[in-house]
PDB file of N, CA and C in Angstrom:
ATOM      1  N   MET A   1     147.770  69.831  85.926  1.00  0.00           N
ATOM      2  CA  MET A   1     147.434  68.435  86.025  1.00  0.00           C
ATOM      3  C   MET A   1     146.333  68.126  85.018  1.00  0.00           C
ATOM      4  N   GLN A   2     146.497  67.017  84.346  1.00  0.00           N
ATOM      5  CA  GLN A   2     145.493  66.584  83.389  1.00  0.00           C
ATOM      6  C   GLN A   2     144.586  65.544  84.031  1.00  0.00           C
ATOM      7  N   LYS A   3     143.544  65.176  83.304  1.00  0.00           N
ATOM      8  CA  LYS A   3     142.530  64.278  83.829  1.00  0.00           C
ATOM      9  C   LYS A   3     143.125  62.933  84.276  1.00  0.00           C
ATOM     10  N   THR A   4     144.040  62.374  83.491  1.00  0.00           N
ATOM     11  CA  THR A   4     144.614  61.072  83.857  1.00  0.00           C
ATOM     12  C   THR A   4     145.415  61.160  85.155  1.00  0.00           C
ATOM     13  N   GLY A   5     146.144  62.251  85.330  1.00  0.00           N
ATOM     14  CA  GLY A   5     146.885  62.453  86.565  1.00  0.00           C
ATOM     15  C   GLY A   5     145.959  62.647  87.747  1.00  0.00           C
ATOM     16  N   PHE A   6     144.871  63.348  87.514  1.00  0.00           N
ATOM     17  CA  PHE A   6     143.870  63.575  88.553  1.00  0.00           C
ATOM     18  C   PHE A   6     143.265  62.246  88.986  1.00  0.00           C
ATOM     19  N   ILE A   7     142.900  61.410  88.024  1.00  0.00           N
ATOM     20  CA  ILE A   7     142.311  60.102  88.321  1.00  0.00           C
ATOM     21  C   ILE A   7     143.302  59.245  89.108  1.00  0.00           C
ATOM     22  N   LYS A   8     144.559  59.287  88.719  1.00  0.00           N
ATOM     23  CA  LYS A   8     145.595  58.507  89.416  1.00  0.00           C
ATOM     24  C   LYS A   8     145.702  58.944  90.871  1.00  0.00           C
ATOM     25  N   GLU A   9     145.710  60.258  91.110  1.00  0.00           N
ATOM     26  CA  GLU A   9     145.823  60.761  92.478  1.00  0.00           C
ATOM     27  C   GLU A   9     144.578  60.447  93.299  1.00  0.00           C
ATOM     28  N   VAL A  10     143.399  60.511  92.681  1.00  0.00           N
ATOM     29  CA  VAL A  10     142.163  60.151  93.377  1.00  0.00           C
ATOM     30  C   VAL A  10     142.213  58.683  93.785  1.00  0.00           C
ATOM     31  N   ALA A  11     142.656  57.828  92.872  1.00  0.00           N
ATOM     32  CA  ALA A  11     142.751  56.395  93.161  1.00  0.00           C
ATOM     33  C   ALA A  11     143.689  56.134  94.333  1.00  0.00           C
ATOM     34  N   GLU A  12     144.846  56.791  94.321  1.00  0.00           N
ATOM     35  CA  GLU A  12     145.822  56.595  95.399  1.00  0.00           C
ATOM     36  C   GLU A  12     145.289  57.123  96.726  1.00  0.00           C
ATOM     37  N   ALA A  13     144.674  58.298  96.710  1.00  0.00           N
ATOM     38  CA  ALA A  13     144.174  58.898  97.944  1.00  0.00           C
ATOM     39  C   ALA A  13     143.006  58.108  98.534  1.00  0.00           C
ATOM     40  N   ALA A  14     142.164  57.545  97.667  1.00  0.00           N
ATOM     41  CA  ALA A  14     140.995  56.798  98.134  1.00  0.00           C
ATOM     42  C   ALA A  14     141.295  55.326  98.376  1.00  0.00           C
ATOM     43  N   GLY A  15     142.441  54.866  97.922  1.00  0.00           N
ATOM     44  CA  GLY A  15     142.800  53.462  98.099  1.00  0.00           C
ATOM     45  C   GLY A  15     141.961  52.532  97.236  1.00  0.00           C
ATOM     46  N   VAL A  16     141.626  52.986  96.031  1.00  0.00           N
ATOM     47  CA  VAL A  16     140.848  52.173  95.098  1.00  0.00           C
ATOM     48  C   VAL A  16     141.647  52.013  93.807  1.00  0.00           C
ATOM     49  N   THR A  17     141.134  51.169  92.918  1.00  0.00           N
ATOM     50  CA  THR A  17     141.829  50.975  91.649  1.00  0.00           C
ATOM     51  C   THR A  17     141.639  52.198  90.763  1.00  0.00           C
ATOM     52  N   ARG A  18     142.534  52.349  89.801  1.00  0.00           N
ATOM     53  CA  ARG A  18     142.419  53.477  88.862  1.00  0.00           C
ATOM     54  C   ARG A  18     141.129  53.372  88.061  1.00  0.00           C
ATOM     55  N   LYS A  19     140.736  52.147  87.744  1.00  0.00           N
ATOM     56  CA  LYS A  19     139.515  51.941  86.970  1.00  0.00           C
ATOM     57  C   LYS A  19     138.289  52.418  87.751  1.00  0.00           C
ATOM     58  N   ASP A  20     138.234  52.105  89.043  1.00  0.00           N
ATOM     59  CA  ASP A  20     137.118  52.553  89.873  1.00  0.00           C
ATOM     60  C   ASP A  20     137.132  54.074  90.033  1.00  0.00           C
ATOM     61  N   ALA A  21     138.317  54.637  90.247  1.00  0.00           N
ATOM     62  CA  ALA A  21     138.437  56.086  90.399  1.00  0.00           C
ATOM     63  C   ALA A  21     138.035  56.791  89.113  1.00  0.00           C
ATOM     64  N   GLU A  22     138.444  56.225  87.961  1.00  0.00           N
ATOM     65  CA  GLU A  22     138.082  56.822  86.668  1.00  0.00           C
ATOM     66  C   GLU A  22     136.573  56.831  86.488  1.00  0.00           C
ATOM     67  N   LYS A  23     135.926  55.741  86.856  1.00  0.00           N
ATOM     68  CA  LYS A  23     134.468  55.650  86.726  1.00  0.00           C
ATOM     69  C   LYS A  23     133.781  56.712  87.593  1.00  0.00           C
ATOM     70  N   VAL A  24     134.256  56.881  88.818  1.00  0.00           N
ATOM     71  CA  VAL A  24     133.661  57.862  89.731  1.00  0.00           C
ATOM     72  C   VAL A  24     133.889  59.285  89.231  1.00  0.00           C
ATOM     73  N   VAL A  25     135.111  59.589  88.812  1.00  0.00           N
ATOM     74  CA  VAL A  25     135.422  60.943  88.331  1.00  0.00           C
ATOM     75  C   VAL A  25     134.604  61.276  87.085  1.00  0.00           C
ATOM     76  N   LYS A  26     134.564  60.343  86.124  1.00  0.00           N
ATOM     77  CA  LYS A  26     133.804  60.591  84.903  1.00  0.00           C
ATOM     78  C   LYS A  26     132.317  60.750  85.195  1.00  0.00           C
ATOM     79  N   THR A  27     131.798  59.961  86.123  1.00  0.00           N
ATOM     80  CA  THR A  27     130.385  60.071  86.482  1.00  0.00           C
ATOM     81  C   THR A  27     130.100  61.409  87.149  1.00  0.00           C
ATOM     82  N   ALA A  28     130.968  61.843  88.047  1.00  0.00           N
ATOM     83  CA  ALA A  28     130.778  63.127  88.721  1.00  0.00           C
ATOM     84  C   ALA A  28     130.792  64.278  87.719  1.00  0.00           C
ATOM     85  N   LEU A  29     131.724  64.240  86.783  1.00  0.00           N
ATOM     86  CA  LEU A  29     131.792  65.293  85.772  1.00  0.00           C
ATOM     87  C   LEU A  29     130.561  65.276  84.870  1.00  0.00           C
ATOM     88  N   LYS A  30     130.058  64.087  84.559  1.00  0.00           N
ATOM     89  CA  LYS A  30     128.863  63.956  83.723  1.00  0.00           C
ATOM     90  C   LYS A  30     127.638  64.507  84.452  1.00  0.00           C
ATOM     91  N   VAL A  31     127.534  64.254  85.747  1.00  0.00           N
ATOM     92  CA  VAL A  31     126.417  64.780  86.535  1.00  0.00           C
ATOM     93  C   VAL A  31     126.453  66.311  86.539  1.00  0.00           C
ATOM     94  N   ILE A  32     127.640  66.882  86.709  1.00  0.00           N
ATOM     95  CA  ILE A  32     127.769  68.346  86.683  1.00  0.00           C
ATOM     96  C   ILE A  32     127.364  68.868  85.309  1.00  0.00           C
ATOM     97  N   GLU A  33     127.864  68.252  84.251  1.00  0.00           N
ATOM     98  CA  GLU A  33     127.538  68.666  82.877  1.00  0.00           C
ATOM     99  C   GLU A  33     126.038  68.584  82.602  1.00  0.00           C
ATOM    100  N   ASP A  34     125.408  67.478  82.983  1.00  0.00           N
ATOM    101  CA  ASP A  34     123.983  67.298  82.735  1.00  0.00           C
ATOM    102  C   ASP A  34     123.138  68.346  83.443  1.00  0.00           C
ATOM    103  N   ASN A  35     123.513  68.676  84.681  1.00  0.00           N
ATOM    104  CA  ASN A  35     122.764  69.687  85.421  1.00  0.00           C
ATOM    105  C   ASN A  35     122.964  71.079  84.844  1.00  0.00           C
ATOM    106  N   LEU A  36     124.169  71.370  84.357  1.00  0.00           N
ATOM    107  CA  LEU A  36     124.400  72.670  83.719  1.00  0.00           C
ATOM    108  C   LEU A  36     123.602  72.778  82.423  1.00  0.00           C
ATOM    109  N   LYS A  37     123.494  71.679  81.674  1.00  0.00           N
ATOM    110  CA  LYS A  37     122.691  71.685  80.438  1.00  0.00           C
ATOM    111  C   LYS A  37     121.237  72.022  80.738  1.00  0.00           C
ATOM    112  N   LYS A  38     120.760  71.591  81.906  1.00  0.00           N
ATOM    113  CA  LYS A  38     119.378  71.871  82.311  1.00  0.00           C
ATOM    114  C   LYS A  38     119.237  73.295  82.861  1.00  0.00           C
ATOM    115  N   GLY A  39     120.351  74.007  82.993  1.00  0.00           N
ATOM    116  CA  GLY A  39     120.320  75.372  83.510  1.00  0.00           C
ATOM    117  C   GLY A  39     120.368  75.448  85.020  1.00  0.00           C
ATOM    118  N   GLU A  40     120.705  74.352  85.667  1.00  0.00           N
ATOM    119  CA  GLU A  40     120.756  74.317  87.123  1.00  0.00           C
ATOM    120  C   GLU A  40     122.170  74.599  87.624  1.00  0.00           C
ATOM    121  N   LYS A  41     122.249  75.115  88.845  1.00  0.00           N
ATOM    122  CA  LYS A  41     123.543  75.321  89.494  1.00  0.00           C
ATOM    123  C   LYS A  41     123.935  74.032  90.197  1.00  0.00           C
ATOM    124  N   VAL A  42     125.238  73.794  90.294  1.00  0.00           N
ATOM    125  CA  VAL A  42     125.760  72.669  91.074  1.00  0.00           C
ATOM    126  C   VAL A  42     126.671  73.268  92.130  1.00  0.00           C
ATOM    127  N   THR A  43     126.258  73.148  93.396  1.00  0.00           N
ATOM    128  CA  THR A  43     127.029  73.715  94.491  1.00  0.00           C
ATOM    129  C   THR A  43     127.642  72.607  95.315  1.00  0.00           C
ATOM    130  N   LEU A  44     128.946  72.629  95.414  1.00  0.00           N
ATOM    131  CA  LEU A  44     129.683  71.715  96.277  1.00  0.00           C
ATOM    132  C   LEU A  44     130.156  72.569  97.446  1.00  0.00           C
ATOM    133  N   THR A  45     129.425  72.503  98.547  1.00  0.00           N
ATOM    134  CA  THR A  45     129.637  73.391  99.677  1.00  0.00           C
ATOM    135  C   THR A  45     131.107  73.404 100.102  1.00  0.00           C
ATOM    136  N   GLY A  46     131.647  74.603 100.206  1.00  0.00           N
ATOM    137  CA  GLY A  46     133.038  74.792 100.594  1.00  0.00           C
ATOM    138  C   GLY A  46     133.992  74.774  99.414  1.00  0.00           C
ATOM    139  N   PHE A  47     133.648  73.999  98.361  1.00  0.00           N
ATOM    140  CA  PHE A  47     134.513  73.907  97.186  1.00  0.00           C
ATOM    141  C   PHE A  47     134.170  74.979  96.172  1.00  0.00           C
ATOM    142  N   GLY A  48     132.896  75.044  95.772  1.00  0.00           N
ATOM    143  CA  GLY A  48     132.505  76.062  94.808  1.00  0.00           C
ATOM    144  C   GLY A  48     131.197  75.751  94.122  1.00  0.00           C
ATOM    145  N   THR A  49     130.831  76.636  93.204  1.00  0.00           N
ATOM    146  CA  THR A  49     129.566  76.520  92.479  1.00  0.00           C
ATOM    147  C   THR A  49     129.822  76.597  90.980  1.00  0.00           C
ATOM    148  N   PHE A  50     129.264  75.613  90.273  1.00  0.00           N
ATOM    149  CA  PHE A  50     129.282  75.599  88.818  1.00  0.00           C
ATOM    150  C   PHE A  50     127.936  76.148  88.363  1.00  0.00           C
ATOM    151  N   GLU A  51     127.934  77.024  87.350  1.00  0.00           N
ATOM    152  CA  GLU A  51     126.685  77.585  86.855  1.00  0.00           C
ATOM    153  C   GLU A  51     126.822  77.993  85.397  1.00  0.00           C
ATOM    154  N   VAL A  52     125.675  78.201  84.760  1.00  0.00           N
ATOM    155  CA  VAL A  52     125.652  78.675  83.378  1.00  0.00           C
ATOM    156  C   VAL A  52     125.500  80.191  83.428  1.00  0.00           C
ATOM    157  N   ARG A  53     126.351  80.875  82.707  1.00  0.00           N
ATOM    158  CA  ARG A  53     126.292  82.338  82.659  1.00  0.00           C
ATOM    159  C   ARG A  53     125.952  82.773  81.237  1.00  0.00           C
ATOM    160  N   ASN A  54     125.170  83.832  81.136  1.00  0.00           N
ATOM    161  CA  ASN A  54     124.807  84.382  79.827  1.00  0.00           C
ATOM    162  C   ASN A  54     125.822  85.437  79.431  1.00  0.00           C
ATOM    163  N   ARG A  55     126.348  85.287  78.241  1.00  0.00           N
ATOM    164  CA  ARG A  55     127.310  86.261  77.722  1.00  0.00           C
ATOM    165  C   ARG A  55     126.607  87.057  76.634  1.00  0.00           C
ATOM    166  N   SER A  56     126.641  88.365  76.741  1.00  0.00           N
ATOM    167  CA  SER A  56     125.970  89.212  75.758  1.00  0.00           C
ATOM    168  C   SER A  56     126.770  89.291  74.454  1.00  0.00           C
ATOM    169  N   ALA A  57     126.088  89.674  73.395  1.00  0.00           N
ATOM    170  CA  ALA A  57     126.754  89.830  72.098  1.00  0.00           C
ATOM    171  C   ALA A  57     127.752  90.981  72.196  1.00  0.00           C
ATOM    172  N   ARG A  58     128.823  90.879  71.435  1.00  0.00           N
ATOM    173  CA  ARG A  58     129.829  91.949  71.471  1.00  0.00           C
ATOM    174  C   ARG A  58     130.532  92.052  70.124  1.00  0.00           C
ATOM    175  N   THR A  59     131.127  93.197  69.904  1.00  0.00           N
ATOM    176  CA  THR A  59     131.851  93.446  68.663  1.00  0.00           C
ATOM    177  C   THR A  59     133.342  93.456  68.969  1.00  0.00           C
ATOM    178  N   VAL A  60     134.103  92.720  68.148  1.00  0.00           N
ATOM    179  CA  VAL A  60     135.554  92.672  68.318  1.00  0.00           C
ATOM    180  C   VAL A  60     136.220  93.138  67.028  1.00  0.00           C
ATOM    181  N   THR A  61     137.438  93.628  67.153  1.00  0.00           N
ATOM    182  CA  THR A  61     138.194  94.092  66.004  1.00  0.00           C
ATOM    183  C   THR A  61     139.448  93.256  65.849  1.00  0.00           C
ATOM    184  N   SER A  62     139.677  92.747  64.649  1.00  0.00           N
ATOM    185  CA  SER A  62     140.870  91.960  64.365  1.00  0.00           C
ATOM    186  C   SER A  62     142.081  92.879  64.389  1.00  0.00           C
ATOM    187  N   ILE A  63     143.112  92.479  65.068  1.00  0.00           N
ATOM    188  CA  ILE A  63     144.321  93.294  65.165  1.00  0.00           C
ATOM    189  C   ILE A  63     145.011  93.405  63.808  1.00  0.00           C
ATOM    190  N   ARG A  64     145.037  92.308  63.063  1.00  0.00           N
ATOM    191  CA  ARG A  64     145.718  92.300  61.767  1.00  0.00           C
ATOM    192  C   ARG A  64     144.956  93.056  60.692  1.00  0.00           C
ATOM    193  N   THR A  65     143.678  92.727  60.516  1.00  0.00           N
ATOM    194  CA  THR A  65     142.927  93.273  59.383  1.00  0.00           C
ATOM    195  C   THR A  65     142.096  94.497  59.723  1.00  0.00           C
ATOM    196  N   LYS A  66     141.917  94.764  61.002  1.00  0.00           N
ATOM    197  CA  LYS A  66     141.098  95.882  61.487  1.00  0.00           C
ATOM    198  C   LYS A  66     139.611  95.688  61.152  1.00  0.00           C
ATOM    199  N   ASN A  67     139.232  94.470  60.725  1.00  0.00           N
ATOM    200  CA  ASN A  67     137.827  94.180  60.438  1.00  0.00           C
ATOM    201  C   ASN A  67     137.077  93.976  61.748  1.00  0.00           C
ATOM    202  N   LYS A  68     135.851  94.479  61.784  1.00  0.00           N
ATOM    203  CA  LYS A  68     135.019  94.301  62.967  1.00  0.00           C
ATOM    204  C   LYS A  68     134.103  93.107  62.749  1.00  0.00           C
ATOM    205  N   THR A  69     133.994  92.297  63.795  1.00  0.00           N
ATOM    206  CA  THR A  69     133.159  91.105  63.747  1.00  0.00           C
ATOM    207  C   THR A  69     132.277  91.093  64.982  1.00  0.00           C
ATOM    208  N   THR A  70     131.037  90.653  64.800  1.00  0.00           N
ATOM    209  CA  THR A  70     130.134  90.544  65.933  1.00  0.00           C
ATOM    210  C   THR A  70     130.104  89.106  66.411  1.00  0.00           C
ATOM    211  N   ILE A  71     130.325  88.924  67.698  1.00  0.00           N
ATOM    212  CA  ILE A  71     130.228  87.606  68.309  1.00  0.00           C
ATOM    213  C   ILE A  71     128.846  87.534  68.948  1.00  0.00           C
ATOM    214  N   PRO A  72     128.048  86.535  68.586  1.00  0.00           N
ATOM    215  CA  PRO A  72     126.683  86.463  69.103  1.00  0.00           C
ATOM    216  C   PRO A  72     126.639  86.147  70.601  1.00  0.00           C
ATOM    217  N   ALA A  73     125.509  86.455  71.203  1.00  0.00           N
ATOM    218  CA  ALA A  73     125.289  86.138  72.607  1.00  0.00           C
ATOM    219  C   ALA A  73     125.282  84.628  72.776  1.00  0.00           C
ATOM    220  N   GLY A  74     125.603  84.174  73.956  1.00  0.00           N
ATOM    221  CA  GLY A  74     125.606  82.734  74.195  1.00  0.00           C
ATOM    222  C   GLY A  74     125.686  82.416  75.675  1.00  0.00           C
ATOM    223  N   LYS A  75     125.685  81.142  75.944  1.00  0.00           N
ATOM    224  CA  LYS A  75     125.801  80.666  77.318  1.00  0.00           C
ATOM    225  C   LYS A  75     127.167  80.029  77.502  1.00  0.00           C
ATOM    226  N   VAL A  76     127.770  80.292  78.655  1.00  0.00           N
ATOM    227  CA  VAL A  76     129.085  79.728  78.959  1.00  0.00           C
ATOM    228  C   VAL A  76     129.075  79.171  80.386  1.00  0.00           C
ATOM    229  N   PRO A  77     129.852  78.114  80.626  1.00  0.00           N
ATOM    230  CA  PRO A  77     129.931  77.605  81.991  1.00  0.00           C
ATOM    231  C   PRO A  77     130.801  78.524  82.846  1.00  0.00           C
ATOM    232  N   GLY A  78     130.449  78.599  84.117  1.00  0.00           N
ATOM    233  CA  GLY A  78     131.227  79.417  85.035  1.00  0.00           C
ATOM    234  C   GLY A  78     131.431  78.696  86.350  1.00  0.00           C
ATOM    235  N   PHE A  79     132.479  79.071  87.054  1.00  0.00           N
ATOM    236  CA  PHE A  79     132.779  78.472  88.355  1.00  0.00           C
ATOM    237  C   PHE A  79     133.145  79.571  89.320  1.00  0.00           C
ATOM    238  N   THR A  80     132.579  79.512  90.511  1.00  0.00           N
ATOM    239  CA  THR A  80     132.930  80.436  91.573  1.00  0.00           C
ATOM    240  C   THR A  80     133.466  79.613  92.742  1.00  0.00           C
ATOM    241  N   ALA A  81     134.671  79.900  93.167  1.00  0.00           N
ATOM    242  CA  ALA A  81     135.296  79.142  94.250  1.00  0.00           C
ATOM    243  C   ALA A  81     134.609  79.425  95.576  1.00  0.00           C
ATOM    244  N   GLY A  82     134.498  78.392  96.395  1.00  0.00           N
ATOM    245  CA  GLY A  82     133.914  78.520  97.724  1.00  0.00           C
ATOM    246  C   GLY A  82     134.930  79.013  98.733  1.00  0.00           C
ATOM    247  N   SER A  83     134.455  79.354  99.920  1.00  0.00           N
ATOM    248  CA  SER A  83     135.327  79.944 100.933  1.00  0.00           C
ATOM    249  C   SER A  83     136.413  78.990 101.415  1.00  0.00           C
ATOM    250  N   VAL A  84     136.101  77.700 101.527  1.00  0.00           N
ATOM    251  CA  VAL A  84     137.103  76.741 101.993  1.00  0.00           C
ATOM    252  C   VAL A  84     138.215  76.593 100.958  1.00  0.00           C
ATOM    253  N   LEU A  85     137.852  76.527  99.677  1.00  0.00           N
ATOM    254  CA  LEU A  85     138.852  76.425  98.613  1.00  0.00           C
ATOM    255  C   LEU A  85     139.709  77.687  98.554  1.00  0.00           C
ATOM    256  N   LYS A  86     139.078  78.844  98.650  1.00  0.00           N
ATOM    257  CA  LYS A  86     139.825  80.105  98.631  1.00  0.00           C
ATOM    258  C   LYS A  86     140.818  80.167  99.786  1.00  0.00           C
ATOM    259  N   ALA A  87     140.377  79.736 100.963  1.00  0.00           N
ATOM    260  CA  ALA A  87     141.237  79.765 102.138  1.00  0.00           C
ATOM    261  C   ALA A  87     142.409  78.788 101.975  1.00  0.00           C
ATOM    262  N   ALA A  88     142.148  77.625 101.387  1.00  0.00           N
ATOM    263  CA  ALA A  88     143.206  76.641 101.184  1.00  0.00           C
ATOM    264  C   ALA A  88     144.279  77.172 100.237  1.00  0.00           C
ATOM    265  N   ILE A  89     143.862  77.892  99.218  1.00  0.00           N
ATOM    266  CA  ILE A  89     144.801  78.439  98.239  1.00  0.00           C
ATOM    267  C   ILE A  89     145.588  79.604  98.833  1.00  0.00           C
ATOM    268  N   SER A  90     144.906  80.475  99.565  1.00  0.00           N
ATOM    269  CA  SER A  90     145.563  81.670 100.090  1.00  0.00           C
ATOM    270  C   SER A  90     146.336  81.405 101.375  1.00  0.00           C
ATOM    271  N   GLY A  91     146.047  80.281 102.034  1.00  0.00           N
ATOM    272  CA  GLY A  91     146.724  79.980 103.288  1.00  0.00           C
ATOM    273  C   GLY A  91     146.066  80.616 104.496  1.00  0.00           C
ATOM    274  N   LYS A  92     144.942  81.273 104.282  1.00  0.00           N
ATOM    275  CA  LYS A  92     144.220  81.904 105.388  1.00  0.00           C
ATOM    276  C   LYS A  92     143.265  80.897 106.002  1.00  0.00           C
ATOM    277  N   LYS A  93     142.951  81.125 107.262  1.00  0.00           N
ATOM    278  CA  LYS A  93     142.001  80.251 107.943  1.00  0.00           C
ATOM    279  C   LYS A  93     140.585  80.746 107.660  1.00  0.00           C
ATOM    280  N   VAL A  94     139.674  79.792 107.545  1.00  0.00           N
ATOM    281  CA  VAL A  94     138.274  80.135 107.339  1.00  0.00           C
ATOM    282  C   VAL A  94     137.659  80.414 108.693  1.00  0.00           C
ATOM    283  N   GLU A  95     137.015  81.580 108.804  1.00  0.00           N
ATOM    284  CA  GLU A  95     136.331  81.892 110.043  1.00  0.00           C
ATOM    285  C   GLU A  95     135.021  81.135 110.065  1.00  0.00           C
ATOM    286  N   LYS A  96     134.853  80.336 111.116  1.00  0.00           N
ATOM    287  CA  LYS A  96     133.627  79.562 111.212  1.00  0.00           C
ATOM    288  C   LYS A  96     132.529  80.457 111.741  1.00  0.00           C
ATOM    289  N   LYS A  97     131.343  80.232 111.196  1.00  0.00           N
ATOM    290  CA  LYS A  97     130.193  80.994 111.659  1.00  0.00           C
ATOM    291  C   LYS A  97     129.809  80.491 113.040  1.00  0.00           C
ATOM    292  N   ALA A  98     129.229  81.369 113.822  1.00  0.00           N
ATOM    293  CA  ALA A  98     128.796  80.987 115.160  1.00  0.00           C
ATOM    294  C   ALA A  98     127.770  79.873 115.047  1.00  0.00           C
ATOM    295  N   ASP A  99     127.859  78.936 115.965  1.00  0.00           N
ATOM    296  CA  ASP A  99     126.900  77.840 115.958  1.00  0.00           C
ATOM    297  C   ASP A  99     125.505  78.395 116.170  1.00  0.00           C
ATOM    298  N   THR A 100     124.607  77.989 115.334  1.00  0.00           N
ATOM    299  CA  THR A 100     123.232  78.439 115.492  1.00  0.00           C
ATOM    300  C   THR A 100     122.456  77.322 116.176  1.00  0.00           C
ATOM    301  N   LYS A 101     121.733  77.679 117.195  1.00  0.00           N
ATOM    302  CA  LYS A 101     120.974  76.694 117.923  1.00  0.00           C
ATOM    303  C   LYS A 101     119.532  76.734 117.441  1.00  0.00           C
ATOM    304  N   VAL A 102     118.961  75.573 117.352  1.00  0.00           N
ATOM    305  CA  VAL A 102     117.582  75.472 116.903  1.00  0.00           C
ATOM    306  C   VAL A 102     116.691  75.566 118.138  1.00  0.00           C
ATOM    307  N   ALA A 103     115.733  76.461 118.072  1.00  0.00           N
ATOM    308  CA  ALA A 103     114.806  76.605 119.184  1.00  0.00           C
ATOM    309  C   ALA A 103     113.792  75.476 119.131  1.00  0.00           C
ATOM    310  N   VAL A 104     113.603  74.865 120.271  1.00  0.00           N
ATOM    311  CA  VAL A 104     112.647  73.779 120.362  1.00  0.00           C
ATOM    312  C   VAL A 104     111.448  74.297 121.145  1.00  0.00           C
ATOM    313  N   GLY A 105     110.267  74.047 120.585  1.00  0.00           N
ATOM    314  CA  GLY A 105     109.041  74.540 121.239  1.00  0.00           C
ATOM    315  C   GLY A 105     108.819  73.889 122.595  1.00  0.00           C
ATOM    316  N   LYS A 106     108.289  74.663 123.532  1.00  0.00           N
ATOM    317  CA  LYS A 106     108.012  74.162 124.880  1.00  0.00           C
ATOM    318  C   LYS A 106     106.645  73.515 124.903  1.00  0.00           C
ATOM    319  N   LYS A 107     106.525  72.517 125.766  1.00  0.00           N
ATOM    320  CA  LYS A 107     105.238  71.835 125.917  1.00  0.00           C
ATOM    321  C   LYS A 107     104.467  72.404 127.041  1.00  0.00           C
TER     322      LYS A 107
END
């Protein structure tokens, strides 16, 4: 699915115009991009986490010419799927954690 198809489906699912859905989708993606540029993680609980990962320098060899080239170190975006997304894809149920109760101090 491409971005235009995604926007169309968001608009239909939310019951809004394509123009409004496009604005929301583009804004959400821009917010994620801006936070990654700052080196921050973006966690969408249950869906996943976007983060910047450091890739070390490495040497590669061209298959055709057999020449070795060094690729410099750099930063790359990364995504780790959350448990709810993984469960939705695999068809498995997510085990819910036991409810934690907050202790309230006695008077």
